[in-house]
Amino acid sequence: MADPSGDAIGSFTLVDHYVSQLLNCGEIKGSAVSHTSKSGKLKVEVVWNVPSNPPPAVQFFATVLQHYDTYWVKMPGPIILMGNSTPIPTLTTSAVQPTTESPVLRKPFSSKDCGSTKSCLRDPIGCDPETDPKCYFLSFTSDEHSVLFELSGPTEGYVSFALSHDKWMGNDDVYLCVRTDDYVNINPGYVTGRTHPTLDSQDTLTNMAWRLSDGVVQCMFRREIRVPAEQDRFNLDRSYYIFLADGKAEHGMVHKHHHQPLISSEKKYITSSPENLNGSRSPFIIKVHGALMLVAWMTAVSIGVIVTRFLKPLWPESTLFGQKIWFQVHRILMSSTVLLTCVAFILPFVYRGGWSKHAGAHPFLGCTVMALAVLQLVMAFFRPHPNTPRRMIFNWAHWGTGTISRIIAVAAMFLGMDLPALNLPEPWDTLLLSGFVTWHVLTELLLELHNLFIIRKAKNVKDDEVEIIDLALGETEGHMIKKIVLTVYICGNLAFLTAFLNAINCI
């Protein structure tokens, strides 16, 4: 351009279309050039086309980006005289914006006054950032004109909170404390949709201070209740859901949060009376989904299989509503499994509004389990009579479909526990589910060995000896062992289930 404050002149021709691309500076087509990828490069070559009526001299300006937080804007090049004149070199310096360093906090935040002089949102519930390095903490205290915020959390990148009109990320007023080496930058920002926040100026924040200690980032700032000149800053005299999140940051650029944000259970007026806020990292509808699936595939299916496979002889002639007891127990438990699975299957689609692209293999396994569960119900409804030739085909198909669905359901549970929307504590969740699988397998193995023992004992009975009484006593003893094993198994199963349901309730 001839005048640094004027319009661009001339245009460029690309040398390599894979390295550079044309941009429009103002209304002049192809009057600027940019790279095409984020890969490191030493140069970008282009050809500048002189306009038909060139000025006596031109000067090129460049913007260079090293990292997200390290860049140089409008760096001046030499002044080029048109014609055969020698270029006049100029000093190529980059203007550095003066920065105001925030003071360092002398001591960590405390939850001592939570509920009395300031409102607090914490994870885990009731934790104190002064003594617990794993405590995620947000507090705010208001006066007539402003609100003082305190934010703390264990992270190597950033910790942030957002004010939102709903429980979905998007169109939110965000505040971030981003660690850069041994310094913490405090910035407001705004999130549009499910994207990275757009950072804004610090002009709306005062009394900023920060602290780094043992992997914990803490920052403090004050903000006016109303900021009319800033459209992206929400007024603090209204109610909002509060999000608390953390994640990785590189050179000042924040990445997606590590796990589901902590979201306040209810909207909160920022300037209202102090209180201790409750929150959860898992939406209620996803909690219900997980709980129903665990009840169905940990308890109902497992008990129904064991009763049918091993405990038929316990009630040989007893009936319930015209059918044998073992069959009615099996039918009730398996029908409950299908019903619970159907309800649980719908909930994630309701929550996401469709298919989730970020849940990995879990939804695919879930759809397979749902299809197999319905197929089992259909096969059971059309099962042939026990004395027909097709009964054996049904028995093998029923057993095979049920076994495959149980295996896939266990795999789906292992994957689902660590998805961001639920994210049970690690590695506790994996160890507990592994313990349940081991518990169930050992129970089935014990009952299989017991069946083999009973069968072998029956074969050893001599035809020429009267052992009817002894055999009856043996069968009674065998039944008693099976009842004890079933009782112990059910107690253990319910213990595992209760532990999982309690963990889901606590997140």
Protein backbone atom coordinates (compact mmCIF):
# COMPACT_ATOMS: atom_id res chain seq x y z
CA MET A 1 0.00 0.00 0.00
CA ALA A 2 1.18 3.54 -0.66
CA ASP A 3 -0.27 4.93 2.58
CA PRO A 4 -0.14 2.71 5.71
CA SER A 5 -3.55 4.01 6.74
CA GLY A 6 -5.03 3.80 3.24
CA ASP A 7 -6.43 1.08 1.04
CA ALA A 8 -4.44 -1.77 -0.45
CA ILE A 9 -3.22 -1.43 -4.02
CA GLY A 10 -2.27 -4.00 -6.61
CA SER A 11 -2.88 -7.73 -6.42
CA PHE A 12 -0.96 -10.96 -5.96
CA THR A 13 -0.42 -14.09 -8.03
CA LEU A 14 0.25 -17.34 -6.20
CA VAL A 15 3.41 -19.35 -6.79
CA ASP A 16 2.21 -22.48 -4.96
CA HIS A 17 -1.52 -23.04 -4.43
CA TYR A 18 -0.81 -25.69 -1.79
CA VAL A 19 1.09 -23.26 0.42
CA SER A 20 -0.73 -19.94 0.00
CA GLN A 21 -4.16 -18.55 -0.83
CA LEU A 22 -5.52 -15.18 -1.95
CA LEU A 23 -7.60 -12.93 0.29
CA ASN A 24 -9.44 -9.69 -0.29
CA CYS A 25 -8.22 -6.64 1.59
CA GLY A 26 -11.16 -4.27 1.50
CA GLU A 27 -12.90 -4.41 -1.88
CA ILE A 28 -9.80 -5.23 -3.91
CA LYS A 29 -9.75 -8.85 -5.02
CA GLY A 30 -6.55 -10.80 -4.37
CA SER A 31 -4.88 -7.89 -2.59
CA ALA A 32 -3.69 -10.01 0.36
CA VAL A 33 -2.15 -13.44 0.87
CA SER A 34 -2.39 -16.05 3.64
CA HIS A 35 -1.06 -19.56 4.21
CA THR A 36 -3.29 -22.62 3.77
CA SER A 37 -2.23 -24.77 6.74
CA LYS A 38 -0.94 -24.47 10.29
CA SER A 39 2.28 -26.37 9.53
CA GLY A 40 5.50 -24.50 10.25
CA LYS A 41 7.10 -22.67 7.33
CA LEU A 42 10.03 -20.35 6.69
CA LYS A 43 8.59 -18.43 3.73
CA VAL A 44 5.56 -17.88 1.51
CA GLU A 45 6.38 -16.82 -2.06
CA VAL A 46 3.99 -14.80 -4.22
CA VAL A 47 4.19 -12.35 -7.13
CA TRP A 48 2.86 -8.82 -6.69
CA ASN A 49 1.13 -7.34 -9.74
CA VAL A 50 1.75 -3.62 -10.18
CA PRO A 51 -1.47 -1.66 -10.75
CA SER A 52 -2.00 0.29 -13.98
CA ASN A 53 -1.56 3.62 -12.19
CA PRO A 54 1.12 2.86 -9.55
CA PRO A 55 1.98 5.32 -6.81
CA PRO A 56 5.56 6.63 -6.49
CA ALA A 57 6.28 4.19 -3.65
CA VAL A 58 4.68 1.20 -1.91
CA GLN A 59 5.22 -0.64 1.35
CA PHE A 60 4.27 -4.22 2.29
CA PHE A 61 2.95 -5.19 5.72
CA ALA A 62 2.93 -8.67 7.25
CA THR A 63 1.31 -10.41 10.24
CA VAL A 64 3.28 -13.34 11.67
CA LEU A 65 1.90 -15.91 14.10
CA GLN A 66 4.24 -18.06 16.18
CA HIS A 67 1.79 -19.39 18.78
CA TYR A 68 -1.78 -18.66 19.80
CA ASP A 69 -0.52 -16.02 22.24
CA THR A 70 2.63 -14.94 20.36
CA TYR A 71 2.17 -12.93 17.16
CA TRP A 72 3.19 -9.71 15.43
CA VAL A 73 0.62 -7.57 13.64
CA LYS A 74 1.22 -5.25 10.65
CA MET A 75 5.00 -5.55 10.59
CA PRO A 76 6.28 -2.94 8.06
CA GLY A 77 8.59 -3.94 5.23
CA PRO A 78 10.91 -1.65 3.22
CA ILE A 79 9.49 1.19 1.19
CA ILE A 80 9.76 0.27 -2.49
CA LEU A 81 10.16 3.15 -4.99
CA MET A 82 8.51 2.58 -8.34
CA GLY A 83 10.84 2.58 -11.37
CA ASN A 84 14.60 2.00 -11.11
CA SER A 85 15.14 3.69 -7.76
CA THR A 86 16.94 1.86 -4.97
CA PRO A 87 14.69 0.61 -2.16
CA ILE A 88 14.83 2.65 1.02
CA PRO A 89 15.23 0.29 3.99
CA THR A 90 13.24 0.98 7.09
CA LEU A 91 13.62 -0.31 10.60
CA THR A 92 11.31 -3.33 10.90
CA THR A 93 10.21 -3.36 14.48
CA SER A 94 7.05 -4.70 16.01
CA ALA A 95 5.07 -2.70 18.47
CA VAL A 96 4.56 -4.49 21.76
CA GLN A 97 1.39 -3.76 23.63
CA PRO A 98 2.09 -2.84 27.22
CA THR A 99 0.75 -5.43 29.63
CA THR A 100 -0.35 -4.92 33.16
CA GLU A 101 0.72 -7.83 35.31
CA SER A 102 -1.78 -8.89 37.91
CA PRO A 103 -0.50 -9.22 41.48
CA VAL A 104 0.09 -12.67 42.98
CA LEU A 105 -2.21 -13.90 45.74
CA ARG A 106 -0.40 -14.49 49.01
CA LYS A 107 -2.56 -17.36 50.23
CA PRO A 108 -5.10 -19.79 48.77
CA PHE A 109 -8.84 -19.24 48.80
CA SER A 110 -10.93 -20.62 51.64
CA SER A 111 -14.46 -21.98 51.84
CA LYS A 112 -14.83 -20.74 55.42
CA ASP A 113 -17.39 -18.06 54.56
CA CYS A 114 -19.36 -20.07 52.00
CA GLY A 115 -23.08 -19.64 52.59
CA SER A 116 -22.61 -16.71 54.98
CA THR A 117 -20.84 -13.91 53.08
CA LYS A 118 -20.32 -15.52 49.66
CA SER A 119 -21.98 -18.06 47.39
CA CYS A 120 -19.94 -21.14 46.50
CA LEU A 121 -20.06 -23.92 43.93
CA ARG A 122 -17.69 -26.81 44.73
CA ASP A 123 -16.66 -30.24 43.53
CA PRO A 124 -16.46 -32.47 45.52
CA ILE A 125 -19.32 -31.13 47.62
CA GLY A 126 -18.10 -29.32 50.71
CA CYS A 127 -14.40 -29.31 49.73
CA ASP A 128 -12.05 -26.50 50.82
CA PRO A 129 -9.47 -25.19 48.29
CA GLU A 130 -7.27 -24.09 51.19
CA THR A 131 -6.62 -27.69 52.28
CA ASP A 132 -7.75 -29.89 49.36
CA PRO A 133 -5.62 -29.64 46.17
CA LYS A 134 -8.28 -31.57 44.21
CA CYS A 135 -11.05 -29.09 44.99
CA TYR A 136 -12.78 -27.22 42.14
CA PHE A 137 -14.06 -24.00 43.63
CA LEU A 138 -15.99 -20.90 42.58
CA SER A 139 -17.21 -18.19 44.91
CA PHE A 140 -18.74 -14.77 44.33
CA THR A 141 -19.53 -11.87 46.64
CA SER A 142 -21.52 -8.81 45.59
CA ASP A 143 -21.80 -5.24 46.76
CA GLU A 144 -23.89 -2.38 45.39
CA HIS A 145 -22.02 -2.01 42.11
CA SER A 146 -19.79 -5.02 41.50
CA VAL A 147 -19.15 -8.73 42.14
CA LEU A 148 -15.91 -10.31 43.34
CA PHE A 149 -15.18 -13.76 41.89
CA GLU A 150 -12.75 -16.39 43.19
CA LEU A 151 -11.92 -19.36 40.96
CA SER A 152 -9.70 -22.35 41.76
CA GLY A 153 -8.97 -25.83 40.43
CA PRO A 154 -6.26 -28.43 39.84
CA THR A 155 -5.11 -28.09 36.23
CA GLU A 156 -2.02 -27.73 34.07
CA GLY A 157 -3.97 -25.65 31.56
CA TYR A 158 -6.99 -23.56 32.49
CA VAL A 159 -9.91 -23.37 34.86
CA SER A 160 -13.01 -21.41 33.90
CA PHE A 161 -16.62 -20.69 34.68
CA ALA A 162 -19.51 -19.56 32.52
CA LEU A 163 -22.91 -17.96 33.00
CA SER A 164 -25.59 -19.58 30.85
CA HIS A 165 -29.32 -19.25 30.27
CA ASP A 166 -29.64 -23.04 29.98
CA LYS A 167 -27.69 -26.23 30.65
CA TRP A 168 -26.24 -26.37 27.14
CA MET A 169 -22.94 -24.94 26.03
CA GLY A 170 -23.41 -21.99 23.65
CA ASN A 171 -24.05 -18.23 23.82
CA ASP A 172 -22.49 -18.05 27.28
CA ASP A 173 -20.54 -15.41 29.20
CA VAL A 174 -17.20 -17.07 30.05
CA TYR A 175 -14.29 -16.19 32.36
CA LEU A 176 -11.00 -18.05 32.09
CA CYS A 177 -7.84 -18.32 34.14
CA VAL A 178 -5.25 -19.70 31.71
CA ARG A 179 -1.85 -20.86 32.83
CA THR A 180 1.05 -19.84 30.58
CA ASP A 181 4.34 -21.12 31.99
CA ASP A 182 4.57 -19.50 35.44
CA TYR A 183 1.92 -16.86 34.83
CA VAL A 184 -1.88 -16.85 34.78
CA ASN A 185 -3.85 -14.79 32.26
CA ILE A 186 -7.32 -13.72 33.33
CA ASN A 187 -9.72 -13.03 30.47
CA PRO A 188 -13.44 -12.75 29.84
CA GLY A 189 -14.77 -14.45 26.73
CA TYR A 190 -17.86 -15.47 24.88
CA VAL A 191 -18.89 -18.86 23.52
CA THR A 192 -21.01 -19.15 20.38
CA GLY A 193 -22.29 -22.69 19.94
CA ARG A 194 -20.00 -25.61 20.79
CA THR A 195 -16.81 -23.76 19.86
CA HIS A 196 -13.72 -22.42 21.56
CA PRO A 197 -14.39 -19.22 23.50
CA THR A 198 -13.58 -15.89 21.88
CA LEU A 199 -11.43 -13.96 24.34
CA ASP A 200 -12.27 -10.32 25.02
CA SER A 201 -10.42 -7.41 26.55
CA GLN A 202 -9.65 -7.30 30.26
CA ASP A 203 -11.08 -3.77 30.44
CA THR A 204 -14.25 -5.00 32.18
CA LEU A 205 -12.24 -6.68 34.98
CA THR A 206 -10.53 -5.05 37.95
CA ASN A 207 -8.69 -6.15 41.10
CA MET A 208 -7.20 -9.12 39.22
CA ALA A 209 -4.83 -11.46 41.07
CA TRP A 210 -3.67 -15.05 40.68
CA ARG A 211 -1.74 -17.87 42.32
CA LEU A 212 0.04 -21.05 41.18
CA SER A 213 0.87 -23.76 43.69
CA ASP A 214 1.16 -27.57 43.51
CA GLY A 215 -0.67 -27.81 40.19
CA VAL A 216 -3.57 -25.63 41.38
CA VAL A 217 -4.54 -22.50 39.43
CA GLN A 218 -6.33 -19.76 41.36
CA CYS A 219 -7.47 -16.35 40.16
CA MET A 220 -9.58 -13.49 41.45
CA PHE A 221 -11.20 -10.50 39.77
CA ARG A 222 -13.98 -7.99 40.22
CA ARG A 223 -16.61 -7.07 37.61
CA GLU A 224 -19.30 -4.42 37.47
CA ILE A 225 -22.84 -5.73 37.80
CA ARG A 226 -23.81 -4.01 34.55
CA VAL A 227 -21.52 -3.37 31.58
CA PRO A 228 -23.75 -1.63 29.00
CA ALA A 229 -20.96 -1.12 26.44
CA GLU A 230 -20.15 -4.85 26.30
CA GLN A 231 -22.91 -6.88 24.64
CA ASP A 232 -21.21 -10.20 25.43
CA ARG A 233 -21.03 -9.51 29.18
CA PHE A 234 -24.18 -10.61 30.97
CA ASN A 235 -25.78 -8.43 33.62
CA LEU A 236 -25.08 -9.99 37.01
CA ASP A 237 -28.39 -8.98 38.60
CA ARG A 238 -30.15 -11.83 36.79
CA SER A 239 -30.27 -15.60 37.24
CA TYR A 240 -28.05 -18.05 35.33
CA TYR A 241 -26.87 -21.62 35.36
CA ILE A 242 -23.22 -21.70 36.36
CA PHE A 243 -20.70 -23.92 34.55
CA LEU A 244 -17.32 -24.83 36.08
CA ALA A 245 -14.79 -26.44 33.71
CA ASP A 246 -11.08 -27.09 33.25
CA GLY A 247 -8.85 -28.40 30.48
CA LYS A 248 -5.60 -28.24 28.60
CA ALA A 249 -4.02 -25.05 27.27
CA GLU A 250 -1.02 -24.54 25.00
CA HIS A 251 0.58 -21.14 24.50
CA GLY A 252 -2.57 -19.49 25.82
CA MET A 253 -4.94 -21.43 23.54
CA VAL A 254 -7.54 -23.44 25.44
CA HIS A 255 -8.68 -26.91 24.35
CA LYS A 256 -11.87 -28.80 25.07
CA HIS A 257 -12.46 -29.44 28.76
CA HIS A 258 -11.18 -32.77 30.15
CA HIS A 259 -14.55 -33.92 31.42
CA GLN A 260 -18.14 -32.80 31.65
CA PRO A 261 -18.39 -29.35 33.30
CA LEU A 262 -19.88 -29.03 36.74
CA ILE A 263 -23.28 -27.39 36.22
CA SER A 264 -25.35 -25.84 38.99
CA SER A 265 -28.59 -27.69 39.68
CA GLU A 266 -30.65 -24.51 39.49
CA LYS A 267 -30.34 -20.97 38.20
CA LYS A 268 -28.75 -18.52 40.62
CA TYR A 269 -29.09 -14.75 40.93
CA ILE A 270 -25.44 -13.68 41.14
CA THR A 271 -26.26 -10.70 43.34
CA SER A 272 -28.72 -12.50 45.62
CA SER A 273 -28.06 -13.67 49.17
CA PRO A 274 -25.10 -16.05 49.72
CA GLU A 275 -25.68 -19.80 49.62
CA ASN A 276 -23.94 -23.10 49.01
CA LEU A 277 -24.84 -24.22 45.50
CA ASN A 278 -25.30 -27.81 44.37
CA GLY A 279 -24.19 -29.07 40.99
CA SER A 280 -23.53 -32.14 38.92
CA ARG A 281 -21.18 -33.14 36.12
CA SER A 282 -23.75 -35.51 34.65
CA PRO A 283 -27.20 -34.54 33.31
CA PHE A 284 -30.07 -36.13 35.21
CA ILE A 285 -31.42 -37.85 32.09
CA ILE A 286 -28.05 -39.55 31.50
CA LYS A 287 -27.93 -40.64 35.13
CA VAL A 288 -31.33 -42.29 34.69
CA HIS A 289 -30.09 -43.97 31.51
CA GLY A 290 -27.08 -45.43 33.29
CA ALA A 291 -29.08 -46.52 36.34
CA LEU A 292 -31.76 -48.30 34.28
CA MET A 293 -29.20 -50.11 32.17
CA LEU A 294 -27.34 -51.30 35.28
CA VAL A 295 -30.54 -52.54 36.92
CA ALA A 296 -31.47 -54.37 33.71
CA TRP A 297 -28.15 -55.93 32.71
CA MET A 298 -26.40 -56.33 36.04
CA THR A 299 -29.26 -57.57 38.17
CA ALA A 300 -32.42 -58.58 36.29
CA VAL A 301 -30.70 -60.51 33.49
CA SER A 302 -28.09 -62.12 35.72
CA ILE A 303 -30.57 -63.43 38.28
CA GLY A 304 -32.99 -64.53 35.54
CA VAL A 305 -30.27 -66.55 33.80
CA ILE A 306 -29.11 -68.27 36.98
CA VAL A 307 -32.64 -69.18 38.05
CA THR A 308 -33.42 -70.73 34.66
CA ARG A 309 -30.09 -72.45 34.15
CA PHE A 310 -29.55 -73.99 37.59
CA LEU A 311 -32.60 -73.73 39.85
CA LYS A 312 -35.41 -75.42 37.94
CA PRO A 313 -35.36 -78.52 40.22
CA LEU A 314 -36.02 -76.40 43.32
CA TRP A 315 -39.71 -75.99 42.41
CA PRO A 316 -40.54 -79.03 40.22
CA GLU A 317 -44.31 -78.96 40.69
CA SER A 318 -44.96 -75.53 42.22
CA THR A 319 -46.81 -73.07 40.00
CA LEU A 320 -47.52 -69.35 39.95
CA PHE A 321 -50.47 -68.06 37.90
CA GLY A 322 -50.69 -71.38 36.08
CA GLN A 323 -46.99 -71.66 35.18
CA LYS A 324 -44.00 -73.15 36.96
CA ILE A 325 -42.35 -70.79 39.41
CA TRP A 326 -38.92 -70.80 37.73
CA PHE A 327 -40.51 -69.90 34.39
CA GLN A 328 -42.55 -67.06 35.87
CA VAL A 329 -39.47 -65.65 37.63
CA HIS A 330 -37.48 -65.89 34.39
CA ARG A 331 -40.26 -64.30 32.34
CA ILE A 332 -40.79 -61.43 34.79
CA LEU A 333 -37.07 -60.63 35.03
CA MET A 334 -36.43 -60.84 31.28
CA SER A 335 -39.53 -58.82 30.41
CA SER A 336 -38.40 -56.21 32.92
CA THR A 337 -34.99 -56.18 31.26
CA VAL A 338 -36.48 -55.46 27.84
CA LEU A 339 -38.77 -52.76 29.24
CA LEU A 340 -35.96 -51.04 31.19
CA THR A 341 -33.67 -51.26 28.17
CA CYS A 342 -36.27 -49.66 25.89
CA VAL A 343 -36.77 -46.73 28.26
CA ALA A 344 -33.05 -46.29 28.88
CA PHE A 345 -32.32 -46.58 25.15
CA ILE A 346 -34.52 -43.59 24.30
CA LEU A 347 -33.11 -41.20 26.94
CA PRO A 348 -29.70 -40.38 25.33
CA PHE A 349 -31.44 -39.58 22.03
CA VAL A 350 -33.80 -37.24 23.89
CA TYR A 351 -30.84 -35.59 25.63
CA ARG A 352 -28.70 -35.18 22.51
CA GLY A 353 -31.56 -34.53 20.13
CA GLY A 354 -30.24 -37.28 17.85
CA TRP A 355 -27.16 -39.43 17.37
CA SER A 356 -24.03 -38.60 19.36
CA LYS A 357 -20.85 -38.40 17.27
CA HIS A 358 -18.57 -38.19 20.29
CA ALA A 359 -19.55 -41.32 22.23
CA GLY A 360 -17.28 -43.79 20.42
CA ALA A 361 -18.45 -47.38 20.16
CA HIS A 362 -20.88 -47.18 23.09
CA PRO A 363 -24.00 -46.16 21.12
CA PHE A 364 -23.32 -48.83 18.48
CA LEU A 365 -23.08 -51.50 21.17
CA GLY A 366 -26.19 -50.11 22.83
CA CYS A 367 -28.19 -50.34 19.59
CA THR A 368 -27.03 -53.93 19.13
CA VAL A 369 -28.09 -54.85 22.67
CA MET A 370 -31.46 -53.18 22.13
CA ALA A 371 -32.04 -55.14 18.90
CA LEU A 372 -31.03 -58.45 20.48
CA ALA A 373 -33.23 -57.84 23.53
CA VAL A 374 -36.27 -57.23 21.33
CA LEU A 375 -35.37 -60.27 19.22
CA GLN A 376 -35.27 -62.41 22.39
CA LEU A 377 -38.73 -61.22 23.34
CA VAL A 378 -40.11 -61.99 19.88
CA MET A 379 -38.54 -65.47 19.85
CA ALA A 380 -39.91 -66.21 23.31
CA PHE A 381 -43.40 -65.16 22.21
CA PHE A 382 -43.32 -67.55 19.24
CA ARG A 383 -41.45 -70.38 20.98
CA PRO A 384 -42.58 -73.87 19.84
CA HIS A 385 -44.06 -76.49 22.16
CA PRO A 386 -41.49 -78.48 24.20
CA ASN A 387 -42.30 -81.72 22.40
CA THR A 388 -41.91 -80.41 18.83
CA PRO A 389 -38.76 -80.95 16.72
CA ARG A 390 -38.19 -77.21 16.37
CA ARG A 391 -37.86 -76.79 20.13
CA MET A 392 -34.16 -77.64 20.04
CA ILE A 393 -33.53 -74.97 17.40
CA PHE A 394 -35.34 -72.43 19.57
CA ASN A 395 -33.39 -73.45 22.67
CA TRP A 396 -30.02 -72.94 20.96
CA ALA A 397 -31.10 -69.69 19.30
CA HIS A 398 -32.53 -68.36 22.55
CA TRP A 399 -29.40 -69.29 24.49
CA GLY A 400 -27.03 -67.93 21.83
CA THR A 401 -28.84 -64.62 21.40
CA GLY A 402 -29.07 -64.13 25.16
CA THR A 403 -25.40 -64.92 25.74
CA ILE A 404 -24.22 -62.59 22.97
CA SER A 405 -26.44 -59.76 24.20
CA ARG A 406 -25.10 -60.14 27.76
CA ILE A 407 -21.48 -60.01 26.56
CA ILE A 408 -22.11 -56.92 24.42
CA ALA A 409 -24.03 -55.28 27.28
CA VAL A 410 -21.04 -55.72 29.60
CA ALA A 411 -18.74 -54.19 26.97
CA ALA A 412 -21.17 -51.27 26.58
CA MET A 413 -21.17 -50.73 30.35
CA PHE A 414 -17.38 -50.65 30.50
CA LEU A 415 -17.29 -48.01 27.75
CA GLY A 416 -20.28 -46.01 28.97
CA MET A 417 -18.94 -45.48 32.49
CA ASP A 418 -16.09 -43.30 31.19
CA LEU A 419 -17.99 -41.20 28.67
CA PRO A 420 -17.94 -37.46 29.47
CA ALA A 421 -21.69 -37.31 30.11
CA LEU A 422 -21.41 -39.83 32.99
CA ASN A 423 -17.71 -40.31 33.73
CA LEU A 424 -17.75 -42.33 36.96
CA PRO A 425 -14.60 -42.12 39.13
CA GLU A 426 -11.58 -43.90 37.63
CA PRO A 427 -10.22 -46.52 38.09
CA TRP A 428 -12.83 -47.33 40.73
CA ASP A 429 -15.60 -47.89 38.17
CA THR A 430 -13.58 -50.32 36.05
CA LEU A 431 -12.42 -52.28 39.08
CA LEU A 432 -15.95 -52.50 40.49
CA LEU A 433 -17.48 -53.70 37.22
CA SER A 434 -14.63 -56.18 36.79
CA GLY A 435 -15.39 -57.42 40.31
CA PHE A 436 -19.04 -57.92 39.42
CA VAL A 437 -18.19 -59.87 36.25
CA THR A 438 -15.82 -62.06 38.26
CA TRP A 439 -18.49 -62.56 40.93
CA HIS A 440 -21.05 -63.66 38.35
CA VAL A 441 -18.69 -65.98 36.45
CA LEU A 442 -17.54 -67.67 39.67
CA THR A 443 -21.16 -68.19 40.72
CA GLU A 444 -22.06 -69.83 37.42
CA LEU A 445 -18.89 -71.93 37.56
CA LEU A 446 -19.69 -73.08 41.11
CA LEU A 447 -23.23 -74.08 40.13
CA GLU A 448 -21.96 -75.89 37.01
CA LEU A 449 -19.51 -77.90 39.14
CA HIS A 450 -22.28 -78.65 41.60
CA ASN A 451 -24.50 -79.95 38.76
CA LEU A 452 -21.70 -82.16 37.50
CA PHE A 453 -21.20 -83.54 41.01
CA ILE A 454 -24.92 -84.36 41.37
CA ILE A 455 -25.00 -86.06 37.95
CA ARG A 456 -21.90 -88.15 38.69
CA LYS A 457 -23.27 -89.12 42.09
CA ALA A 458 -26.55 -90.24 40.50
CA LYS A 459 -24.66 -92.45 37.98
CA ASN A 460 -22.78 -94.19 40.78
CA VAL A 461 -25.97 -95.46 42.40
CA LYS A 462 -25.99 -99.29 42.13
CA ASP A 463 -29.09 -100.91 40.71
CA ASP A 464 -29.02 -103.79 43.20
CA GLU A 465 -28.97 -101.60 46.30
CA VAL A 466 -31.87 -99.79 47.84
CA GLU A 467 -30.64 -96.21 48.01
CA ILE A 468 -33.82 -94.33 47.33
CA ILE A 469 -33.73 -92.67 50.74
CA ASP A 470 -30.05 -91.75 50.40
CA LEU A 471 -30.65 -90.31 46.93
CA ALA A 472 -33.56 -88.25 48.18
CA LEU A 473 -31.43 -86.93 51.01
CA GLY A 474 -28.70 -86.07 48.48
CA GLU A 475 -31.14 -84.17 46.31
CA THR A 476 -32.43 -82.27 49.32
CA GLU A 477 -28.87 -81.42 50.30
CA GLY A 478 -28.16 -80.27 46.71
CA HIS A 479 -31.21 -78.06 46.70
CA MET A 480 -30.13 -76.47 49.96
CA ILE A 481 -26.69 -75.66 48.52
CA LYS A 482 -28.28 -74.06 45.47
CA LYS A 483 -30.59 -71.95 47.63
CA ILE A 484 -27.62 -70.75 49.70
CA VAL A 485 -25.61 -69.93 46.56
CA LEU A 486 -28.57 -68.07 45.05
CA THR A 487 -29.11 -66.07 48.26
CA VAL A 488 -25.44 -65.14 48.55
CA TYR A 489 -25.26 -64.26 44.86
CA ILE A 490 -28.32 -61.99 45.01
CA CYS A 491 -26.90 -60.19 48.06
CA GLY A 492 -23.57 -59.66 46.28
CA ASN A 493 -25.28 -58.57 43.08
CA LEU A 494 -27.37 -55.99 44.93
CA ALA A 495 -24.24 -54.76 46.74
CA PHE A 496 -22.48 -54.11 43.41
CA LEU A 497 -25.61 -52.48 42.00
CA THR A 498 -26.04 -50.25 45.07
CA ALA A 499 -22.42 -49.10 44.84
CA PHE A 500 -22.89 -48.09 41.20
CA LEU A 501 -26.21 -46.35 41.80
CA ASN A 502 -24.71 -44.42 44.70
CA ALA A 503 -21.75 -43.35 42.54
CA ILE A 504 -24.13 -42.16 39.79
CA ASN A 505 -26.11 -40.17 42.33
CA CYS A 506 -22.96 -38.47 43.66
CA ILE A 507 -21.53 -37.21 40.37
